[in-house]
Amino acid sequence: MNTFQRIQYLANNKGMSIAQLERKLKLSNGSIARWKKSAPSSRGLTIIADYFDVSVDYLLGREKEKYSGEEKSDSVIMFSNKEEFYKLPKKEQERILNSLRDQADYLIYKYNTKKDKK
């Protein structure tokens, strides 16, 4: 998946089009679409990464996971003990559950993309 496709995937998961995302983040009209053929601006990437709470490296395809390794390992540890998970603040529980939903959505998207190519 290239940078544009990753951004499109994240926007779709939020029920947004690329145009809506550009307007919401006050990026120039068509700027994200231009990234299909040219290098994205660091400013634009940073704004988008912050909005979706992902790393710039994830958007650039240098990381397969959206979140840092620290967050990922925390999730594994927390889920190895269900009782510990329920001791976490509700906001942290929601963050972890949202991360799992995002990962599941991404895997489904990847599966469907591969299936459509066959």
Protein backbone atom coordinates (compact mmCIF):
# COMPACT_ATOMS: atom_id res chain seq x y z
CA MET A 1 0.00 0.00 0.00
CA ASN A 2 1.42 3.41 -0.93
CA THR A 3 1.04 6.63 1.07
CA PHE A 4 -2.10 7.74 -0.75
CA GLN A 5 -3.73 4.33 -0.29
CA ARG A 6 -2.94 4.33 3.43
CA ILE A 7 -4.47 7.78 3.86
CA GLN A 8 -7.49 6.75 1.79
CA TYR A 9 -7.89 3.63 3.93
CA LEU A 10 -7.75 5.66 7.16
CA ALA A 11 -10.22 8.23 5.79
CA ASN A 12 -12.61 5.50 4.64
CA ASN A 13 -12.55 3.98 8.12
CA LYS A 14 -13.74 7.32 9.46
CA GLY A 15 -16.41 7.56 6.76
CA MET A 16 -14.64 10.43 5.00
CA SER A 17 -13.61 11.09 1.45
CA ILE A 18 -10.18 12.48 0.62
CA ALA A 19 -11.82 15.82 -0.26
CA GLN A 20 -13.57 15.94 3.13
CA LEU A 21 -10.29 15.13 4.87
CA GLU A 22 -8.51 17.94 3.01
CA ARG A 23 -11.22 20.42 4.01
CA LYS A 24 -11.25 19.28 7.64
CA LEU A 25 -7.47 19.59 7.93
CA LYS A 26 -7.33 22.80 5.89
CA LEU A 27 -5.10 21.25 3.22
CA SER A 28 -5.30 22.60 -0.31
CA ASN A 29 -7.88 21.03 -2.61
CA GLY A 30 -6.40 18.01 -4.39
CA SER A 31 -3.13 18.05 -2.45
CA ILE A 32 -3.50 14.51 -1.12
CA ALA A 33 -4.51 13.13 -4.53
CA ARG A 34 -1.33 14.62 -6.01
CA TRP A 35 0.63 12.35 -3.67
CA LYS A 36 -0.25 9.44 -5.95
CA LYS A 37 2.43 10.72 -8.35
CA SER A 38 4.64 13.05 -6.33
CA ALA A 39 6.26 13.14 -2.91
CA PRO A 40 4.01 14.33 -0.09
CA SER A 41 4.92 17.41 1.91
CA SER A 42 6.28 16.81 5.39
CA ARG A 43 3.81 19.37 6.77
CA GLY A 44 0.85 17.57 5.19
CA LEU A 45 2.03 14.17 6.37
CA THR A 46 2.49 15.45 9.91
CA ILE A 47 -0.99 16.98 9.99
CA ILE A 48 -2.57 13.76 8.69
CA ALA A 49 -0.54 11.53 11.02
CA ASP A 50 -1.59 13.64 14.01
CA TYR A 51 -5.24 13.60 12.93
CA PHE A 52 -5.35 9.80 12.60
CA ASP A 53 -3.02 9.25 15.57
CA VAL A 54 -0.52 7.26 13.50
CA SER A 55 3.15 7.77 12.77
CA VAL A 56 4.48 9.48 9.66
CA ASP A 57 6.52 6.31 9.09
CA TYR A 58 3.27 4.33 8.96
CA LEU A 59 1.87 6.70 6.31
CA LEU A 60 5.08 6.35 4.29
CA GLY A 61 4.94 2.56 4.49
CA ARG A 62 8.07 2.21 6.60
CA GLU A 63 6.06 0.68 9.45
CA LYS A 64 3.39 -1.96 8.98
CA GLU A 65 1.73 -1.16 12.31
CA LYS A 66 -0.06 2.12 12.85
CA TYR A 67 1.10 2.50 16.44
CA SER A 68 4.48 2.41 18.11
CA GLY A 69 5.98 -0.86 19.31
CA GLU A 70 5.53 0.28 22.90
CA GLU A 71 1.76 0.57 22.50
CA LYS A 72 1.64 -2.75 20.67
CA SER A 73 3.56 -4.61 23.38
CA ASP A 74 1.38 -2.99 26.05
CA SER A 75 -1.70 -4.36 24.31
CA VAL A 76 -0.26 -7.87 24.19
CA ILE A 77 0.61 -7.73 27.88
CA MET A 78 -2.79 -6.35 28.83
CA PHE A 79 -4.67 -8.97 26.88
CA SER A 80 -2.65 -11.79 28.39
CA ASN A 81 -4.51 -11.01 31.61
CA LYS A 82 -8.15 -10.02 31.17
CA GLU A 83 -8.52 -8.80 34.74
CA GLU A 84 -5.67 -6.31 34.27
CA PHE A 85 -7.35 -4.95 31.15
CA TYR A 86 -10.54 -4.18 33.09
CA LYS A 87 -8.51 -2.34 35.74
CA LEU A 88 -7.38 0.18 33.13
CA PRO A 89 -9.14 3.54 32.80
CA LYS A 90 -12.06 3.46 30.34
CA LYS A 91 -10.23 5.77 27.94
CA GLU A 92 -7.26 3.38 27.73
CA GLN A 93 -9.59 0.41 27.24
CA GLU A 94 -11.27 2.29 24.38
CA ARG A 95 -7.90 3.11 22.80
CA ILE A 96 -6.88 -0.53 22.85
CA LEU A 97 -10.22 -1.73 21.50
CA ASN A 98 -10.12 0.90 18.73
CA SER A 99 -6.63 -0.24 17.83
CA LEU A 100 -7.84 -3.83 17.56
CA ARG A 101 -10.79 -2.76 15.40
CA ASP A 102 -8.46 -0.78 13.13
CA GLN A 103 -6.13 -3.75 12.79
CA ALA A 104 -9.05 -6.06 11.98
CA ASP A 105 -10.40 -3.56 9.41
CA TYR A 106 -6.97 -3.34 7.81
CA LEU A 107 -6.65 -7.13 7.57
CA ILE A 108 -10.12 -7.39 6.01
CA TYR A 109 -9.23 -4.62 3.55
CA LYS A 110 -5.98 -6.41 2.64
CA TYR A 111 -7.78 -9.73 2.22
CA ASN A 112 -10.46 -8.20 -0.02
CA THR A 113 -7.83 -6.39 -2.10
CA LYS A 114 -5.92 -9.63 -2.69
CA LYS A 115 -9.15 -11.51 -3.39
CA ASP A 116 -10.22 -8.91 -5.99
CA LYS A 117 -6.88 -9.25 -7.82
CA LYS A 118 -7.41 -12.99 -8.41
